[in-house]
């Protein structure tokens, strides 16, 4: 009897997990839109909360940040204070397709970003990333 209950629970879990709903994708779209809005406003805390605690970030200048704290420090160093390099930036994000879900709390998405940077030296740059 226990085996039957266990198999039934596993099958029910797989059925729910295997059928991503439009609601899940709408929630992911809303999260992406909020992250872009927060990033453009310089609210790094609102974005970094979604990063893994052990994130390894490599910036365009080849500097690396390990963990959320170092990532926040790097972003603030580049955009805030008397020694900042970036006066301001705006970014747009486009996803290629729906997120591939691998469980109830893990998925992979791909896409591009187009960012416009205004540097403190007076120049401006546009950068497309993948």
C-alpha atoms as a PDB file:
ATOM      1  CA  UNK A   1       0.000   0.000   0.000  1.00  0.00           C
ATOM      2  CA  UNK A   2       2.820   2.459   0.873  1.00  0.00           C
ATOM      3  CA  UNK A   3       4.453   1.794  -2.503  1.00  0.00           C
ATOM      4  CA  UNK A   4       1.214   2.658  -4.306  1.00  0.00           C
ATOM      5  CA  UNK A   5       0.836   5.904  -2.352  1.00  0.00           C
ATOM      6  CA  UNK A   6       4.467   6.842  -2.995  1.00  0.00           C
ATOM      7  CA  UNK A   7       4.137   6.137  -6.730  1.00  0.00           C
ATOM      8  CA  UNK A   8       0.918   8.160  -6.856  1.00  0.00           C
ATOM      9  CA  UNK A   9       2.553  11.118  -5.091  1.00  0.00           C
ATOM     10  CA  UNK A  10       5.531  10.999  -7.445  1.00  0.00           C
ATOM     11  CA  UNK A  11       3.291  10.845 -10.510  1.00  0.00           C
ATOM     12  CA  UNK A  12       1.171  13.759  -9.274  1.00  0.00           C
ATOM     13  CA  UNK A  13       4.288  15.817  -8.585  1.00  0.00           C
ATOM     14  CA  UNK A  14       5.682  15.044 -12.039  1.00  0.00           C
ATOM     15  CA  UNK A  15       2.396  15.945 -13.689  1.00  0.00           C
ATOM     16  CA  UNK A  16       2.315  19.345 -12.010  1.00  0.00           C
ATOM     17  CA  UNK A  17       6.032  19.928 -12.632  1.00  0.00           C
ATOM     18  CA  UNK A  18       5.890  18.851 -16.292  1.00  0.00           C
ATOM     19  CA  UNK A  19       3.078  21.215 -17.255  1.00  0.00           C
ATOM     20  CA  UNK A  20       4.321  24.806 -17.031  1.00  0.00           C
ATOM     21  CA  UNK A  21       1.401  27.131 -17.123  1.00  0.00           C
ATOM     22  CA  UNK A  22       0.990  30.496 -18.725  1.00  0.00           C
ATOM     23  CA  UNK A  23       0.738  31.890 -15.193  1.00  0.00           C
ATOM     24  CA  UNK A  24       4.307  30.769 -14.402  1.00  0.00           C
ATOM     25  CA  UNK A  25       5.618  32.426 -17.560  1.00  0.00           C
ATOM     26  CA  UNK A  26       3.656  35.599 -16.798  1.00  0.00           C
ATOM     27  CA  UNK A  27       5.258  35.687 -13.340  1.00  0.00           C
ATOM     28  CA  UNK A  28       8.709  35.257 -14.906  1.00  0.00           C
ATOM     29  CA  UNK A  29       7.990  38.080 -17.389  1.00  0.00           C
ATOM     30  CA  UNK A  30       6.921  40.338 -14.529  1.00  0.00           C
ATOM     31  CA  UNK A  31      10.077  39.475 -12.579  1.00  0.00           C
ATOM     32  CA  UNK A  32      12.252  40.248 -15.624  1.00  0.00           C
ATOM     33  CA  UNK A  33      10.472  43.558 -16.202  1.00  0.00           C
ATOM     34  CA  UNK A  34      10.861  44.546 -12.529  1.00  0.00           C
ATOM     35  CA  UNK A  35      14.561  43.612 -12.556  1.00  0.00           C
ATOM     36  CA  UNK A  36      15.189  45.727 -15.659  1.00  0.00           C
ATOM     37  CA  UNK A  37      13.276  48.648 -14.138  1.00  0.00           C
ATOM     38  CA  UNK A  38      15.232  48.356 -10.871  1.00  0.00           C
ATOM     39  CA  UNK A  39      18.567  48.013 -12.668  1.00  0.00           C
ATOM     40  CA  UNK A  40      17.856  51.104 -14.771  1.00  0.00           C
ATOM     41  CA  UNK A  41      16.988  53.004 -11.587  1.00  0.00           C
ATOM     42  CA  UNK A  42      20.252  51.950  -9.928  1.00  0.00           C
ATOM     43  CA  UNK A  43      18.406  49.855  -7.322  1.00  0.00           C
ATOM     44  CA  UNK A  44      20.898  46.995  -7.295  1.00  0.00           C
ATOM     45  CA  UNK A  45      19.541  45.354  -4.132  1.00  0.00           C
ATOM     46  CA  UNK A  46      16.233  44.634  -5.862  1.00  0.00           C
ATOM     47  CA  UNK A  47      18.044  42.819  -8.664  1.00  0.00           C
ATOM     48  CA  UNK A  48      20.773  41.065  -6.677  1.00  0.00           C
ATOM     49  CA  UNK A  49      18.224  39.354  -4.427  1.00  0.00           C
ATOM     50  CA  UNK A  50      17.391  37.077  -7.381  1.00  0.00           C
ATOM     51  CA  UNK A  51      21.032  36.060  -7.928  1.00  0.00           C
ATOM     52  CA  UNK A  52      22.436  32.916  -6.387  1.00  0.00           C
ATOM     53  CA  UNK A  53      24.328  33.642  -3.170  1.00  0.00           C
ATOM     54  CA  UNK A  54      27.450  32.145  -4.786  1.00  0.00           C
ATOM     55  CA  UNK A  55      27.120  34.060  -8.081  1.00  0.00           C
ATOM     56  CA  UNK A  56      30.282  34.425 -10.147  1.00  0.00           C
ATOM     57  CA  UNK A  57      29.958  37.583 -12.247  1.00  0.00           C
ATOM     58  CA  UNK A  58      32.486  38.624 -14.899  1.00  0.00           C
ATOM     59  CA  UNK A  59      32.088  42.224 -16.049  1.00  0.00           C
ATOM     60  CA  UNK A  60      32.966  43.712 -19.438  1.00  0.00           C
ATOM     61  CA  UNK A  61      36.254  44.961 -17.956  1.00  0.00           C
ATOM     62  CA  UNK A  62      37.115  41.321 -17.042  1.00  0.00           C
ATOM     63  CA  UNK A  63      36.817  41.974 -13.297  1.00  0.00           C
ATOM     64  CA  UNK A  64      35.110  39.249 -11.339  1.00  0.00           C
ATOM     65  CA  UNK A  65      32.778  39.432  -8.399  1.00  0.00           C
ATOM     66  CA  UNK A  66      32.143  36.375  -6.228  1.00  0.00           C
ATOM     67  CA  UNK A  67      28.896  36.388  -4.290  1.00  0.00           C
ATOM     68  CA  UNK A  68      26.136  38.945  -3.889  1.00  0.00           C
ATOM     69  CA  UNK A  69      28.187  41.299  -1.697  1.00  0.00           C
ATOM     70  CA  UNK A  70      31.050  41.600  -4.170  1.00  0.00           C
ATOM     71  CA  UNK A  71      28.607  42.059  -7.047  1.00  0.00           C
ATOM     72  CA  UNK A  72      26.871  44.905  -5.242  1.00  0.00           C
ATOM     73  CA  UNK A  73      30.236  46.498  -4.353  1.00  0.00           C
ATOM     74  CA  UNK A  74      31.387  46.307  -7.971  1.00  0.00           C
ATOM     75  CA  UNK A  75      28.176  47.831  -9.342  1.00  0.00           C
ATOM     76  CA  UNK A  76      28.214  50.641  -6.785  1.00  0.00           C
ATOM     77  CA  UNK A  77      31.909  51.332  -7.372  1.00  0.00           C
ATOM     78  CA  UNK A  78      31.284  51.701 -11.103  1.00  0.00           C
ATOM     79  CA  UNK A  79      28.137  53.846 -10.804  1.00  0.00           C
ATOM     80  CA  UNK A  80      28.233  55.755  -7.505  1.00  0.00           C
ATOM     81  CA  UNK A  81      30.646  57.913  -5.558  1.00  0.00           C
ATOM     82  CA  UNK A  82      33.498  60.220  -6.539  1.00  0.00           C
ATOM     83  CA  UNK A  83      35.490  57.572  -8.479  1.00  0.00           C
ATOM     84  CA  UNK A  84      32.599  56.179 -10.527  1.00  0.00           C
ATOM     85  CA  UNK A  85      33.223  55.337 -14.167  1.00  0.00           C
ATOM     86  CA  UNK A  86      29.617  55.161 -15.370  1.00  0.00           C
ATOM     87  CA  UNK A  87      27.480  58.286 -15.119  1.00  0.00           C
ATOM     88  CA  UNK A  88      24.355  56.373 -16.017  1.00  0.00           C
ATOM     89  CA  UNK A  89      22.972  53.548 -18.097  1.00  0.00           C
ATOM     90  CA  UNK A  90      19.764  52.105 -19.426  1.00  0.00           C
ATOM     91  CA  UNK A  91      19.257  48.548 -20.564  1.00  0.00           C
ATOM     92  CA  UNK A  92      16.616  46.602 -22.456  1.00  0.00           C
ATOM     93  CA  UNK A  93      16.261  42.814 -22.315  1.00  0.00           C
ATOM     94  CA  UNK A  94      14.747  40.541 -24.945  1.00  0.00           C
ATOM     95  CA  UNK A  95      14.255  36.824 -24.343  1.00  0.00           C
ATOM     96  CA  UNK A  96      14.520  34.332 -27.198  1.00  0.00           C
ATOM     97  CA  UNK A  97      11.757  31.977 -26.097  1.00  0.00           C
ATOM     98  CA  UNK A  98       9.873  30.801 -23.032  1.00  0.00           C
ATOM     99  CA  UNK A  99      11.933  29.731 -20.040  1.00  0.00           C
ATOM    100  CA  UNK A 100      12.803  26.032 -20.066  1.00  0.00           C
ATOM    101  CA  UNK A 101      11.619  24.829 -16.666  1.00  0.00           C
ATOM    102  CA  UNK A 102      13.525  21.997 -14.984  1.00  0.00           C
ATOM    103  CA  UNK A 103      11.466  21.819 -11.826  1.00  0.00           C
ATOM    104  CA  UNK A 104       9.296  23.963  -9.613  1.00  0.00           C
ATOM    105  CA  UNK A 105      12.079  26.436  -8.814  1.00  0.00           C
ATOM    106  CA  UNK A 106      14.658  26.205 -11.616  1.00  0.00           C
ATOM    107  CA  UNK A 107      14.572  27.295 -15.232  1.00  0.00           C
ATOM    108  CA  UNK A 108      16.871  28.550 -17.967  1.00  0.00           C
ATOM    109  CA  UNK A 109      16.187  31.429 -20.315  1.00  0.00           C
ATOM    110  CA  UNK A 110      18.342  33.008 -22.990  1.00  0.00           C
ATOM    111  CA  UNK A 111      18.221  36.278 -24.808  1.00  0.00           C
ATOM    112  CA  UNK A 112      19.990  39.549 -25.424  1.00  0.00           C
ATOM    113  CA  UNK A 113      20.387  42.888 -23.766  1.00  0.00           C
ATOM    114  CA  UNK A 114      21.057  46.252 -25.326  1.00  0.00           C
ATOM    115  CA  UNK A 115      22.622  48.724 -22.929  1.00  0.00           C
ATOM    116  CA  UNK A 116      23.383  52.409 -23.364  1.00  0.00           C
ATOM    117  CA  UNK A 117      26.195  53.683 -21.115  1.00  0.00           C
ATOM    118  CA  UNK A 118      27.038  57.300 -20.395  1.00  0.00           C
ATOM    119  CA  UNK A 119      30.593  57.405 -19.029  1.00  0.00           C
ATOM    120  CA  UNK A 120      32.035  60.014 -16.687  1.00  0.00           C
ATOM    121  CA  UNK A 121      34.690  60.918 -19.281  1.00  0.00           C
ATOM    122  CA  UNK A 122      31.905  62.250 -21.493  1.00  0.00           C
ATOM    123  CA  UNK A 123      31.610  59.436 -24.022  1.00  0.00           C
ATOM    124  CA  UNK A 124      28.624  57.191 -24.599  1.00  0.00           C
ATOM    125  CA  UNK A 125      28.571  53.564 -25.662  1.00  0.00           C
ATOM    126  CA  UNK A 126      25.952  51.085 -26.754  1.00  0.00           C
ATOM    127  CA  UNK A 127      26.623  47.424 -26.108  1.00  0.00           C
ATOM    128  CA  UNK A 128      24.633  44.387 -27.197  1.00  0.00           C
ATOM    129  CA  UNK A 129      25.195  41.314 -25.045  1.00  0.00           C
ATOM    130  CA  UNK A 130      24.136  37.707 -25.219  1.00  0.00           C
END
